[in-house]
Amino acid sequence: MTERLWWFVLLLVTAVCRGVGAEETVDRLLFSRGALGSRELAVIVNEADPSSVAIGGYYQKRRGIPDENMIRVSFPPGSDNLPRALFESVKRTVDDRTPPRAQAYALAWMAPFRVDCMSITSAFAFGFDEAYCSTKCGETKLSGYFHSASRAPYTDHGIRPTMMLAGRTVQDVRKLIDRGMASDHTYPAGTGYLLNTSDKHRTVRAIAFDETVDKLGAAIRLRRVEADSISDKQDVLFYFTGLAKVPDLDTLGFVPGAMADHLTSLGGRLTESAQMSSVRWLEAGATASYGTVTEPCNLLSKFPYPAVAIWHYLEGDTVLEAYWKSVARPGEGVFIGEPLAAPFAPQMIEHEGQVTVRLFSPRPHMLVLQASASAIGPYRSSVKTYPLKPGYNEVAFRLPDAAAFYRLAYYGGEEIKK
């Protein structure tokens, strides 16, 4: 299938079916958990690197990462590349120490960012495998997690998607972590900027920008821009572009939780090269970014599809989940940012018997309150149905007394996320 045909096929997919996750209760109301949380994230710290130790400690404190999820390894710091043999030794240690419930990893360092021909985030996710590396600008192995409905990537796909807590200084990473924390459940009203630049080789994603605006523009403000950059915008929630170096970043204001990346060959070389490092996006105020560590050529499937990233983010995924789900062939790409940032994650609040549900939807939908005589179901009868519009929604109700247990579900029986 050609890159162009593949893109239009995936745009037609509206995969909202969700697997059953862990459930929490508000009295007799069941509400399935959505985005990954601190108990499902394992943090890998290099004890030979004082900066990594400081970053890991700060992240554990801020996000409440359990002690058993803090995995400590040791290898010489500073190099851009962690050679395969040394990586595989480190990976065996990590595998032995990872709690079974962990579904994803955070790496508490900026270098190393690759393992020979793979990015380090993909190497930790998949294990080192040359099938994820390209030769002569060829395609690489597909990720089964791409555009996935999975709530538990390790349980469902046998991978733990990985993101780097990257920054030039410990203070930079602390600011990144704080931005991610500040974004949670904020349902921001920022703007997504999709830039079609004059660089015809790097702006290949623009082929689908009109479709992206058409399908998601009712839920979030999106702007297709015919220019090499934007400047003096203070509402940047998404910024997807294609250039070797992106100007005017210091004039922008990024919303907490913002995603931003530039399609170019070597943006994932985080300690700089002849092209702009993806870390520059984080320094400018974004909460997550992406770049490739070896020459990928401009194959769309090796870079984030903006529509897929935005879709899953608006559905409530963490930035780690949404970004990973947007790249079909991520073997050469490195994901950086604050993994648990979840500005669109649904919430359920109970106060004096009234339940308020806050959630975001990328499309028109129906929310159904179902009843059952048992906590384990079956939940079949619909007590009430609430229409959801694209964008932010808030539903408030009191539980009836007619049945013992209730559950919120999307129309068709799919459980709503939390």
Protein backbone atom coordinates (compact mmCIF):
# COMPACT_ATOMS: atom_id res chain seq x y z
CA MET A 1 0.00 0.00 0.00
CA THR A 2 1.39 3.43 -0.88
CA GLU A 3 2.07 6.01 1.83
CA ARG A 4 -0.68 8.26 0.44
CA LEU A 5 -3.31 5.52 0.24
CA TRP A 6 -2.38 4.29 3.72
CA TRP A 7 -2.92 7.77 5.12
CA PHE A 8 -6.42 8.15 3.68
CA VAL A 9 -7.37 4.67 4.84
CA LEU A 10 -6.33 5.37 8.41
CA LEU A 11 -8.18 8.69 8.41
CA LEU A 12 -11.39 6.78 7.82
CA VAL A 13 -10.73 4.54 10.81
CA THR A 14 -12.58 5.67 13.93
CA ALA A 15 -11.28 3.08 16.33
CA VAL A 16 -12.92 4.00 19.60
CA CYS A 17 -13.48 0.47 20.87
CA ARG A 18 -11.69 0.18 24.21
CA GLY A 19 -10.59 -2.84 26.18
CA VAL A 20 -11.84 -3.11 29.74
CA GLY A 21 -9.47 -1.37 32.10
CA ALA A 22 -9.26 -1.22 35.86
CA GLU A 23 -12.40 0.29 37.32
CA GLU A 24 -13.01 2.74 40.12
CA THR A 25 -16.30 3.34 41.87
CA VAL A 26 -18.24 6.36 43.01
CA ASP A 27 -20.75 4.62 45.28
CA ARG A 28 -22.46 2.21 42.87
CA LEU A 29 -21.18 3.73 39.62
CA LEU A 30 -18.44 1.99 37.64
CA PHE A 31 -16.22 4.09 35.42
CA SER A 32 -13.35 2.45 33.55
CA ARG A 33 -9.88 3.96 33.78
CA GLY A 34 -8.45 5.41 30.61
CA ALA A 35 -4.99 6.89 30.33
CA LEU A 36 -1.92 5.26 31.84
CA GLY A 37 -1.17 6.27 35.41
CA SER A 38 1.81 6.31 37.75
CA ARG A 39 1.36 2.66 38.72
CA GLU A 40 1.66 1.55 35.07
CA LEU A 41 4.80 3.59 34.32
CA ALA A 42 8.28 2.32 35.23
CA VAL A 43 11.09 4.90 35.40
CA ILE A 44 14.61 3.85 34.39
CA VAL A 45 17.46 5.74 36.10
CA ASN A 46 21.18 5.55 35.27
CA GLU A 47 22.90 5.61 38.66
CA ALA A 48 26.22 6.46 36.99
CA ASP A 49 24.72 9.78 35.85
CA PRO A 50 23.99 12.31 38.65
CA SER A 51 21.58 14.22 36.39
CA SER A 52 19.60 11.04 35.72
CA VAL A 53 19.39 10.33 39.44
CA ALA A 54 18.14 13.87 40.13
CA ILE A 55 15.58 13.71 37.31
CA GLY A 56 14.30 10.32 38.38
CA GLY A 57 13.95 11.43 41.98
CA TYR A 58 12.05 14.58 41.08
CA TYR A 59 9.74 12.71 38.72
CA GLN A 60 8.99 10.02 41.29
CA LYS A 61 8.06 12.66 43.86
CA ARG A 62 5.92 14.76 41.51
CA ARG A 63 4.03 11.90 39.86
CA GLY A 64 3.91 9.55 42.84
CA ILE A 65 5.73 6.71 41.09
CA PRO A 66 5.83 3.65 43.39
CA ASP A 67 9.27 2.62 44.66
CA GLU A 68 9.00 -0.75 42.92
CA ASN A 69 8.55 1.07 39.59
CA MET A 70 11.89 2.87 39.94
CA ILE A 71 14.42 0.75 38.03
CA ARG A 72 18.09 1.58 38.61
CA VAL A 73 20.81 0.55 36.19
CA SER A 74 24.38 1.70 35.63
CA PHE A 75 26.34 2.38 32.45
CA PRO A 76 28.83 5.07 31.38
CA PRO A 77 26.87 8.30 30.72
CA GLY A 78 27.41 11.02 28.14
CA SER A 79 27.63 9.16 24.85
CA ASP A 80 24.92 9.65 22.22
CA ASN A 81 24.95 5.92 21.44
CA LEU A 82 24.51 2.95 23.77
CA PRO A 83 26.09 0.07 21.82
CA ARG A 84 23.92 -2.95 21.26
CA ALA A 85 25.92 -5.35 23.46
CA LEU A 86 25.84 -2.96 26.43
CA PHE A 87 22.19 -2.10 25.82
CA GLU A 88 21.18 -5.75 25.86
CA SER A 89 22.92 -6.21 29.21
CA VAL A 90 21.08 -3.18 30.60
CA LYS A 91 17.79 -4.37 29.08
CA ARG A 92 18.08 -7.77 30.78
CA THR A 93 18.45 -6.00 34.12
CA VAL A 94 15.47 -3.78 33.35
CA ASP A 95 13.33 -6.75 32.27
CA ASP A 96 14.17 -8.61 35.50
CA ARG A 97 13.21 -5.62 37.65
CA THR A 98 10.09 -4.40 35.84
CA PRO A 99 6.85 -5.03 37.77
CA PRO A 100 4.36 -7.07 35.71
CA ARG A 101 1.76 -4.28 35.93
CA ALA A 102 4.10 -1.78 34.18
CA GLN A 103 2.84 -0.92 30.70
CA ALA A 104 5.36 1.76 29.67
CA TYR A 105 8.79 3.23 30.47
CA ALA A 106 10.23 6.68 31.11
CA LEU A 107 13.98 7.18 30.67
CA ALA A 108 15.49 9.74 33.03
CA TRP A 109 18.20 11.09 30.72
CA MET A 110 18.78 12.85 27.37
CA ALA A 111 21.81 10.82 26.25
CA PRO A 112 22.20 8.15 25.05
CA PHE A 113 19.32 8.56 22.61
CA ARG A 114 20.04 5.69 20.24
CA VAL A 115 21.15 2.05 20.24
CA ASP A 116 23.17 1.74 17.06
CA CYS A 117 20.54 1.99 14.26
CA MET A 118 17.49 2.17 16.57
CA SER A 119 16.25 4.98 18.77
CA ILE A 120 16.66 4.17 22.44
CA THR A 121 12.93 4.59 23.11
CA SER A 122 12.08 1.99 20.47
CA ALA A 123 14.88 -0.31 21.65
CA PHE A 124 13.42 -0.32 25.17
CA ALA A 125 9.91 -0.77 23.80
CA PHE A 126 10.58 -3.60 21.35
CA GLY A 127 14.00 -4.88 22.31
CA PHE A 128 16.86 -4.40 19.84
CA ASP A 129 15.83 -5.73 16.43
CA GLU A 130 17.43 -4.71 13.13
CA ALA A 131 14.05 -5.15 11.45
CA TYR A 132 13.20 -1.73 12.95
CA CYS A 133 16.18 -0.18 11.09
CA SER A 134 16.17 0.79 7.43
CA THR A 135 18.67 0.35 4.63
CA LYS A 136 18.70 2.52 1.53
CA CYS A 137 15.68 4.49 2.69
CA GLY A 138 13.55 1.38 2.98
CA GLU A 139 10.57 0.67 5.19
CA THR A 140 11.00 -0.85 8.64
CA LYS A 141 8.96 -3.19 10.79
CA LEU A 142 5.48 -1.98 11.68
CA SER A 143 4.36 -1.30 15.23
CA GLY A 144 1.29 -3.26 16.29
CA TYR A 145 0.50 -0.37 18.63
CA PHE A 146 -0.06 2.05 15.74
CA HIS A 147 -3.54 3.64 15.87
CA SER A 148 -4.39 1.03 18.48
CA ALA A 149 -7.41 0.95 20.77
CA SER A 150 -5.29 -0.68 23.46
CA ARG A 151 -5.45 0.54 27.04
CA ALA A 152 -2.55 -1.72 28.06
CA PRO A 153 0.22 -1.95 25.44
CA TYR A 154 2.33 -4.54 27.23
CA THR A 155 -0.63 -6.76 28.03
CA ASP A 156 -2.09 -6.45 24.53
CA HIS A 157 0.98 -6.09 22.31
CA GLY A 158 3.97 -7.20 24.37
CA ILE A 159 5.63 -3.77 24.18
CA ARG A 160 6.23 -1.01 26.68
CA PRO A 161 6.21 2.31 24.78
CA THR A 162 8.97 4.54 26.07
CA MET A 163 9.53 8.29 26.37
CA MET A 164 12.62 10.23 27.47
CA LEU A 165 12.49 12.89 30.17
CA ALA A 166 14.91 14.93 28.07
CA GLY A 167 16.49 18.32 28.66
CA ARG A 168 19.87 20.02 28.64
CA THR A 169 19.80 20.60 32.38
CA VAL A 170 18.05 19.07 35.37
CA GLN A 171 16.19 22.35 35.81
CA ASP A 172 14.90 22.17 32.23
CA VAL A 173 13.51 18.69 32.87
CA ARG A 174 11.90 19.80 36.12
CA LYS A 175 10.09 22.55 34.22
CA LEU A 176 8.99 19.96 31.64
CA ILE A 177 7.63 17.70 34.38
CA ASP A 178 5.81 20.61 35.99
CA ARG A 179 4.20 21.52 32.64
CA GLY A 180 2.99 17.98 32.21
CA MET A 181 1.51 17.96 35.70
CA ALA A 182 -0.15 21.34 35.10
CA SER A 183 -1.84 20.06 31.92
CA ASP A 184 -3.85 17.22 33.47
CA HIS A 185 -7.65 17.50 33.08
CA THR A 186 -7.42 21.09 31.81
CA TYR A 187 -9.22 20.51 28.47
CA PRO A 188 -7.22 23.38 26.92
CA ALA A 189 -8.72 25.63 24.27
CA GLY A 190 -5.50 26.19 22.31
CA THR A 191 -4.87 26.00 18.57
CA GLY A 192 -3.27 23.32 16.43
CA TYR A 193 -1.02 24.73 13.70
CA LEU A 194 -0.37 22.53 10.64
CA LEU A 195 2.33 24.11 8.50
CA ASN A 196 2.86 23.49 4.81
CA THR A 197 6.35 24.92 4.35
CA SER A 198 8.42 25.74 1.28
CA ASP A 199 10.60 22.67 1.95
CA LYS A 200 8.92 20.23 -0.44
CA HIS A 201 10.88 17.21 0.87
CA ARG A 202 10.05 17.79 4.54
CA THR A 203 6.46 19.00 4.22
CA VAL A 204 5.05 15.70 2.92
CA ARG A 205 2.56 15.46 5.80
CA ALA A 206 0.69 18.45 4.36
CA ILE A 207 -1.05 16.10 1.93
CA ALA A 208 -3.50 15.21 4.71
CA PHE A 209 -3.85 18.55 6.51
CA ASP A 210 -7.18 19.44 4.86
CA GLU A 211 -8.64 16.07 5.89
CA THR A 212 -7.27 16.55 9.41
CA VAL A 213 -8.99 19.92 9.76
CA ASP A 214 -12.19 18.53 8.27
CA LYS A 215 -12.40 15.55 10.63
CA LEU A 216 -11.18 17.17 13.86
CA GLY A 217 -11.88 20.85 13.41
CA ALA A 218 -15.25 20.65 15.16
CA ALA A 219 -13.58 19.46 18.37
CA ILE A 220 -10.44 21.60 18.46
CA ARG A 221 -9.30 24.76 16.71
CA LEU A 222 -6.99 23.78 13.84
CA ARG A 223 -5.25 26.08 11.37
CA ARG A 224 -3.56 25.04 8.14
CA VAL A 225 -0.82 27.58 7.51
CA GLU A 226 1.06 28.12 4.23
CA ALA A 227 4.33 29.44 5.67
CA ASP A 228 7.71 28.34 6.93
CA SER A 229 6.90 29.28 10.53
CA ILE A 230 4.49 31.03 12.86
CA SER A 231 5.42 33.70 15.37
CA ASP A 232 3.91 35.58 18.32
CA LYS A 233 1.18 32.98 18.88
CA GLN A 234 0.39 32.42 22.55
CA ASP A 235 -2.10 29.54 22.22
CA VAL A 236 -0.02 26.76 20.65
CA LEU A 237 -1.44 23.34 21.52
CA PHE A 238 -0.21 21.43 18.44
CA TYR A 239 2.54 22.45 16.01
CA PHE A 240 3.37 20.04 13.18
CA THR A 241 5.73 21.23 10.47
CA GLY A 242 8.53 20.17 8.13
CA LEU A 243 11.86 22.02 8.18
CA ALA A 244 15.46 21.29 9.12
CA LYS A 245 15.37 24.22 11.56
CA VAL A 246 12.27 26.00 12.82
CA PRO A 247 12.60 29.77 13.47
CA ASP A 248 10.72 32.00 15.91
CA LEU A 249 10.16 29.41 18.63
CA ASP A 250 11.17 31.94 21.27
CA THR A 251 8.19 34.13 20.28
CA LEU A 252 5.59 31.42 20.95
CA GLY A 253 3.53 30.52 23.99
CA PHE A 254 2.80 26.79 24.32
CA VAL A 255 -0.23 25.51 26.22
CA PRO A 256 0.71 22.99 28.96
CA GLY A 257 0.45 19.57 27.35
CA ALA A 258 1.39 20.82 23.86
CA MET A 259 2.74 18.45 21.19
CA ALA A 260 5.16 19.75 18.57
CA ASP A 261 7.60 18.27 16.07
CA HIS A 262 9.33 18.98 12.76
CA LEU A 263 9.71 16.33 10.07
CA THR A 264 13.39 16.22 9.21
CA SER A 265 16.11 13.58 9.04
CA LEU A 266 17.96 14.05 12.30
CA GLY A 267 15.72 15.89 14.78
CA GLY A 268 16.12 12.96 17.17
CA ARG A 269 19.84 13.59 17.55
CA LEU A 270 19.08 15.37 20.77
CA THR A 271 22.51 16.84 21.45
CA GLU A 272 22.35 18.71 18.12
CA SER A 273 23.58 18.10 14.60
CA ALA A 274 23.38 20.20 11.45
CA GLN A 275 19.60 20.16 12.00
CA MET A 276 17.50 21.36 14.91
CA SER A 277 17.26 19.02 17.87
CA SER A 278 13.75 18.06 18.96
CA VAL A 279 14.74 19.20 22.45
CA ARG A 280 14.35 22.76 21.19
CA TRP A 281 10.58 22.23 21.19
CA LEU A 282 10.68 21.34 24.89
CA GLU A 283 12.86 24.35 25.64
CA ALA A 284 10.31 26.53 23.87
CA GLY A 285 7.52 25.19 26.09
CA ALA A 286 6.10 22.07 24.43
CA THR A 287 5.42 19.06 26.63
CA ALA A 288 6.36 16.35 24.11
CA SER A 289 8.13 15.97 20.77
CA TYR A 290 9.56 13.41 18.36
CA GLY A 291 12.49 13.08 15.98
CA THR A 292 14.48 10.43 14.12
CA VAL A 293 18.01 9.43 15.14
CA THR A 294 19.20 8.01 11.80
CA GLU A 295 18.37 8.88 8.20
CA PRO A 296 14.73 7.77 7.68
CA CYS A 297 14.11 9.52 4.36
CA ASN A 298 10.75 11.26 4.23
CA LEU A 299 8.51 8.20 4.55
CA LEU A 300 5.30 9.31 6.23
CA SER A 301 5.00 6.12 8.26
CA LYS A 302 8.23 6.90 10.13
CA PHE A 303 6.83 10.16 11.52
CA PRO A 304 3.77 11.10 13.56
CA TYR A 305 0.50 11.36 11.64
CA PRO A 306 -0.95 14.57 13.14
CA ALA A 307 -4.59 13.45 12.82
CA VAL A 308 -3.89 10.20 14.68
CA ALA A 309 -1.90 11.90 17.44
CA ILE A 310 -4.56 14.56 17.95
CA TRP A 311 -7.42 12.03 17.81
CA HIS A 312 -6.03 9.81 20.56
CA TYR A 313 -4.98 12.78 22.67
CA LEU A 314 -8.48 14.26 22.52
CA GLU A 315 -9.90 10.88 23.49
CA GLY A 316 -8.00 11.12 26.76
CA ASP A 317 -4.74 9.23 26.18
CA THR A 318 -1.54 10.41 27.82
CA VAL A 319 0.90 12.17 25.52
CA LEU A 320 3.05 9.02 25.54
CA GLU A 321 0.14 6.88 24.32
CA ALA A 322 -1.11 9.36 21.74
CA TYR A 323 2.32 10.04 20.24
CA TRP A 324 3.28 6.37 20.07
CA LYS A 325 -0.03 5.43 18.47
CA SER A 326 0.58 8.02 15.73
CA VAL A 327 3.80 6.48 14.32
CA ALA A 328 3.45 3.34 12.21
CA ARG A 329 7.19 2.60 11.98
CA PRO A 330 8.85 4.10 15.07
CA GLY A 331 12.07 2.07 15.10
CA GLU A 332 14.28 5.04 14.22
CA GLY A 333 12.32 7.70 16.11
CA VAL A 334 12.82 8.93 19.65
CA PHE A 335 9.91 10.15 21.80
CA ILE A 336 10.69 12.87 24.35
CA GLY A 337 8.55 14.67 26.90
CA GLU A 338 6.56 14.15 30.10
CA PRO A 339 4.90 10.78 29.50
CA LEU A 340 1.86 11.07 31.79
CA ALA A 341 0.62 14.48 30.65
CA ALA A 342 -3.11 14.01 29.97
CA PRO A 343 -4.92 17.31 29.39
CA PHE A 344 -7.98 15.61 27.84
CA ALA A 345 -8.35 12.65 30.22
CA PRO A 346 -11.93 12.24 31.47
CA GLN A 347 -12.82 12.90 35.11
CA MET A 348 -15.62 11.77 37.36
CA ILE A 349 -16.40 13.86 40.45
CA GLU A 350 -18.92 13.01 43.17
CA HIS A 351 -20.24 15.66 45.55
CA GLU A 352 -23.18 15.27 47.91
CA GLY A 353 -24.72 12.53 45.80
CA GLN A 354 -24.33 14.26 42.43
CA VAL A 355 -21.97 12.81 39.87
CA THR A 356 -20.30 15.13 37.35
CA VAL A 357 -18.50 13.63 34.36
CA ARG A 358 -16.07 15.80 32.44
CA LEU A 359 -14.73 14.52 29.16
CA PHE A 360 -13.59 15.52 25.69
CA SER A 361 -14.73 13.90 22.47
CA PRO A 362 -13.20 14.20 18.99
CA ARG A 363 -16.61 13.51 17.39
CA PRO A 364 -20.35 13.41 18.13
CA HIS A 365 -21.08 10.50 20.42
CA MET A 366 -23.55 9.10 22.96
CA LEU A 367 -22.90 8.40 26.63
CA VAL A 368 -25.17 5.83 28.24
CA LEU A 369 -25.88 5.15 31.91
CA GLN A 370 -26.42 1.39 32.23
CA ALA A 371 -27.79 -0.64 35.14
CA SER A 372 -27.18 -4.11 36.53
CA ALA A 373 -28.10 -6.15 39.59
CA SER A 374 -24.44 -7.21 39.93
CA ALA A 375 -21.16 -5.30 39.96
CA ILE A 376 -19.77 -7.70 37.35
CA GLY A 377 -22.75 -7.27 35.04
CA PRO A 378 -24.16 -7.85 32.60
CA TYR A 379 -24.94 -4.16 32.06
CA ARG A 380 -27.71 -4.16 29.49
CA SER A 381 -30.48 -1.74 30.26
CA SER A 382 -30.02 1.94 29.48
CA VAL A 383 -31.26 4.19 32.26
CA LYS A 384 -30.43 7.43 30.47
CA THR A 385 -28.56 8.57 27.35
CA TYR A 386 -26.54 11.77 27.06
CA PRO A 387 -25.48 13.22 23.68
CA LEU A 388 -21.85 14.29 23.43
CA LYS A 389 -20.72 17.03 21.07
CA PRO A 390 -17.23 17.36 19.58
CA GLY A 391 -15.05 19.09 22.16
CA TYR A 392 -15.55 19.51 25.89
CA ASN A 393 -18.61 17.93 27.55
CA GLU A 394 -19.91 17.96 31.10
CA VAL A 395 -22.69 15.64 32.27
CA ALA A 396 -24.24 15.77 35.75
CA PHE A 397 -26.77 13.40 37.29
CA ARG A 398 -27.85 11.60 40.45
CA LEU A 399 -27.90 7.82 40.56
CA PRO A 400 -31.38 6.32 40.60
CA ASP A 401 -32.32 3.83 43.32
CA ALA A 402 -33.87 1.27 41.00
CA ALA A 403 -30.78 -0.94 40.58
CA ALA A 404 -27.80 -1.97 42.66
CA PHE A 405 -25.02 -0.98 40.26
CA TYR A 406 -24.48 1.40 37.34
CA ARG A 407 -21.91 1.91 34.61
CA LEU A 408 -21.12 4.64 32.10
CA ALA A 409 -20.60 3.43 28.56
CA TYR A 410 -20.38 4.75 25.04
CA TYR A 411 -23.35 3.90 22.86
CA GLY A 412 -22.83 0.32 21.71
CA GLY A 413 -21.45 -0.89 25.04
CA GLU A 414 -17.95 0.60 24.95
CA GLU A 415 -16.89 1.75 28.36
CA ILE A 416 -16.07 5.38 28.87
CA LYS A 417 -12.50 6.18 29.87
CA LYS A 418 -11.25 7.82 33.02
